[in-house]
């Protein structure tokens, strides 16, 4: 009986660690991308894309 409880506890611990990593790394990637994106006057400026003329005025 004790080995069954230990095995269940081990599986639950491994599952909780796996779920934590699955949530943590995408959120970390989003945070890093947000920090890397330049901001002017609290306006987010996307980078690496072709801009229409209206967005080009933000860089002048």
N, C-alpha and C. Protein backbone atom coordinates (compact mmCIF):
# COMPACT_ATOMS: atom_id res chain seq x y z
N UNK A 1 0.82 -1.20 0.00
CA UNK A 1 0.00 0.00 0.00
C UNK A 1 0.87 1.27 0.00
N UNK A 2 1.94 1.24 0.81
CA UNK A 2 2.79 2.42 0.88
C UNK A 2 3.50 2.68 -0.45
N UNK A 3 3.89 1.61 -1.14
CA UNK A 3 4.57 1.81 -2.42
C UNK A 3 3.63 2.41 -3.46
N UNK A 4 2.34 2.06 -3.37
CA UNK A 4 1.36 2.63 -4.30
C UNK A 4 1.20 4.13 -4.05
N UNK A 5 1.17 4.52 -2.78
CA UNK A 5 1.05 5.94 -2.44
C UNK A 5 2.31 6.68 -2.87
N UNK A 6 3.49 6.09 -2.64
CA UNK A 6 4.74 6.73 -3.06
C UNK A 6 4.78 6.89 -4.57
N UNK A 7 4.33 5.85 -5.29
CA UNK A 7 4.35 5.92 -6.75
C UNK A 7 3.39 7.00 -7.24
N UNK A 8 2.21 7.09 -6.62
CA UNK A 8 1.24 8.12 -7.00
C UNK A 8 1.79 9.51 -6.71
N UNK A 9 2.43 9.67 -5.57
CA UNK A 9 3.01 10.96 -5.21
C UNK A 9 4.11 11.35 -6.18
N UNK A 10 4.93 10.38 -6.57
CA UNK A 10 6.00 10.65 -7.53
C UNK A 10 5.44 11.06 -8.88
N UNK A 11 4.40 10.37 -9.32
CA UNK A 11 3.79 10.71 -10.61
C UNK A 11 3.16 12.10 -10.56
N UNK A 12 2.48 12.42 -9.46
CA UNK A 12 1.88 13.75 -9.33
C UNK A 12 2.95 14.84 -9.30
N UNK A 13 4.06 14.58 -8.64
CA UNK A 13 5.15 15.55 -8.59
C UNK A 13 5.74 15.77 -9.98
N UNK A 14 5.97 14.69 -10.71
CA UNK A 14 6.51 14.81 -12.06
C UNK A 14 5.54 15.54 -12.98
N UNK A 15 4.25 15.25 -12.82
CA UNK A 15 3.24 15.91 -13.65
C UNK A 15 3.18 17.40 -13.35
N UNK A 16 3.24 17.76 -12.07
CA UNK A 16 3.19 19.18 -11.73
C UNK A 16 4.43 19.92 -12.22
N UNK A 17 5.59 19.27 -12.18
CA UNK A 17 6.81 19.90 -12.71
C UNK A 17 6.70 20.07 -14.22
N UNK A 18 6.18 19.07 -14.91
CA UNK A 18 6.03 19.15 -16.37
C UNK A 18 5.07 20.27 -16.75
N UNK A 19 3.97 20.40 -16.03
CA UNK A 19 3.00 21.47 -16.32
C UNK A 19 3.62 22.83 -16.03
N UNK A 20 4.39 22.93 -14.95
CA UNK A 20 5.04 24.20 -14.62
C UNK A 20 6.00 24.63 -15.73
N UNK A 21 6.80 23.70 -16.25
CA UNK A 21 7.71 24.03 -17.35
C UNK A 21 6.93 24.40 -18.60
N UNK A 22 5.83 23.70 -18.87
CA UNK A 22 5.03 23.98 -20.07
C UNK A 22 4.42 25.37 -20.01
N UNK A 23 4.16 25.88 -18.82
CA UNK A 23 3.60 27.22 -18.68
C UNK A 23 4.71 28.27 -18.62
N UNK A 24 5.81 27.96 -17.94
CA UNK A 24 6.86 28.94 -17.68
C UNK A 24 7.60 29.38 -18.94
N UNK A 25 8.01 28.44 -19.79
CA UNK A 25 8.85 28.79 -20.93
C UNK A 25 8.13 29.63 -21.98
N UNK A 26 6.87 29.35 -22.35
CA UNK A 26 6.19 30.26 -23.28
C UNK A 26 6.01 31.66 -22.70
N UNK A 27 5.70 31.76 -21.41
CA UNK A 27 5.56 33.08 -20.80
C UNK A 27 6.90 33.82 -20.77
N UNK A 28 7.97 33.10 -20.54
CA UNK A 28 9.30 33.71 -20.57
C UNK A 28 9.63 34.20 -21.98
N UNK A 29 9.29 33.42 -22.99
CA UNK A 29 9.55 33.82 -24.38
C UNK A 29 8.73 35.06 -24.74
N UNK A 30 7.48 35.13 -24.28
CA UNK A 30 6.65 36.31 -24.55
C UNK A 30 7.23 37.53 -23.85
N UNK A 31 7.68 37.38 -22.63
CA UNK A 31 8.27 38.49 -21.89
C UNK A 31 9.55 38.99 -22.56
N UNK A 32 10.40 38.09 -23.00
CA UNK A 32 11.64 38.48 -23.68
C UNK A 32 11.32 39.21 -24.97
N UNK A 33 10.35 38.72 -25.73
CA UNK A 33 9.98 39.37 -26.99
C UNK A 33 9.40 40.76 -26.73
N UNK A 34 8.63 40.91 -25.66
CA UNK A 34 8.07 42.22 -25.30
C UNK A 34 9.18 43.19 -24.92
N UNK A 35 10.17 42.72 -24.19
CA UNK A 35 11.27 43.59 -23.78
C UNK A 35 12.11 43.99 -24.99
N UNK A 36 12.30 43.08 -25.95
CA UNK A 36 13.11 43.38 -27.13
C UNK A 36 12.42 44.35 -28.09
N UNK A 37 11.08 44.43 -28.07
CA UNK A 37 10.34 45.28 -29.00
C UNK A 37 10.50 46.74 -28.59
N UNK A 38 10.93 47.60 -29.51
CA UNK A 38 11.10 49.02 -29.16
C UNK A 38 9.75 49.69 -28.91
N UNK A 39 9.72 50.60 -27.94
CA UNK A 39 8.51 51.34 -27.60
C UNK A 39 8.82 52.83 -27.66
N UNK A 40 7.94 53.60 -28.32
CA UNK A 40 8.04 55.05 -28.36
C UNK A 40 6.70 55.61 -27.90
N UNK A 41 6.72 56.43 -26.86
CA UNK A 41 5.50 57.04 -26.31
C UNK A 41 4.43 55.99 -26.02
N UNK A 42 4.83 54.90 -25.42
CA UNK A 42 3.94 53.79 -25.06
C UNK A 42 3.25 53.16 -26.26
N UNK A 43 3.79 53.36 -27.46
CA UNK A 43 3.26 52.69 -28.65
C UNK A 43 4.23 51.58 -29.01
N UNK A 44 3.71 50.40 -29.17
CA UNK A 44 4.55 49.27 -29.53
C UNK A 44 4.84 49.34 -31.02
N UNK A 45 6.10 49.28 -31.40
CA UNK A 45 6.49 49.32 -32.81
C UNK A 45 6.94 47.93 -33.22
N UNK A 46 6.18 47.25 -34.08
CA UNK A 46 6.63 45.93 -34.52
C UNK A 46 7.89 46.06 -35.37
N UNK A 47 8.74 45.07 -35.31
CA UNK A 47 9.98 45.12 -36.08
C UNK A 47 10.08 43.89 -36.96
N UNK A 48 10.86 44.02 -38.02
CA UNK A 48 11.06 42.90 -38.92
C UNK A 48 9.95 42.72 -39.94
N UNK A 49 9.15 43.75 -40.16
CA UNK A 49 8.06 43.67 -41.13
C UNK A 49 8.12 44.88 -42.06
N UNK A 50 7.40 44.80 -43.16
CA UNK A 50 7.25 45.95 -44.04
C UNK A 50 6.15 46.84 -43.48
N UNK A 51 6.46 48.11 -43.30
CA UNK A 51 5.51 49.03 -42.70
C UNK A 51 4.76 49.79 -43.78
N UNK A 52 3.47 50.07 -43.55
CA UNK A 52 2.78 51.02 -44.42
C UNK A 52 3.30 52.44 -44.14
N UNK A 53 2.90 53.37 -44.96
CA UNK A 53 3.41 54.74 -44.84
C UNK A 53 3.07 55.35 -43.48
N UNK A 54 1.90 55.05 -42.93
CA UNK A 54 1.50 55.68 -41.67
C UNK A 54 2.44 55.27 -40.53
N UNK A 55 2.94 54.04 -40.57
CA UNK A 55 3.85 53.61 -39.52
C UNK A 55 5.26 54.17 -39.70
N UNK A 56 5.60 54.56 -40.92
CA UNK A 56 6.94 55.07 -41.18
C UNK A 56 7.16 56.41 -40.48
N UNK A 57 6.09 57.15 -40.20
CA UNK A 57 6.25 58.45 -39.55
C UNK A 57 6.70 58.31 -38.10
N UNK A 58 6.53 57.14 -37.50
CA UNK A 58 6.96 56.95 -36.12
C UNK A 58 8.48 56.97 -35.99
N UNK A 59 9.17 56.70 -37.09
CA UNK A 59 10.63 56.62 -37.03
C UNK A 59 11.31 57.94 -37.32
N UNK A 60 10.56 58.97 -37.67
CA UNK A 60 11.19 60.25 -38.00
C UNK A 60 11.19 61.18 -36.81
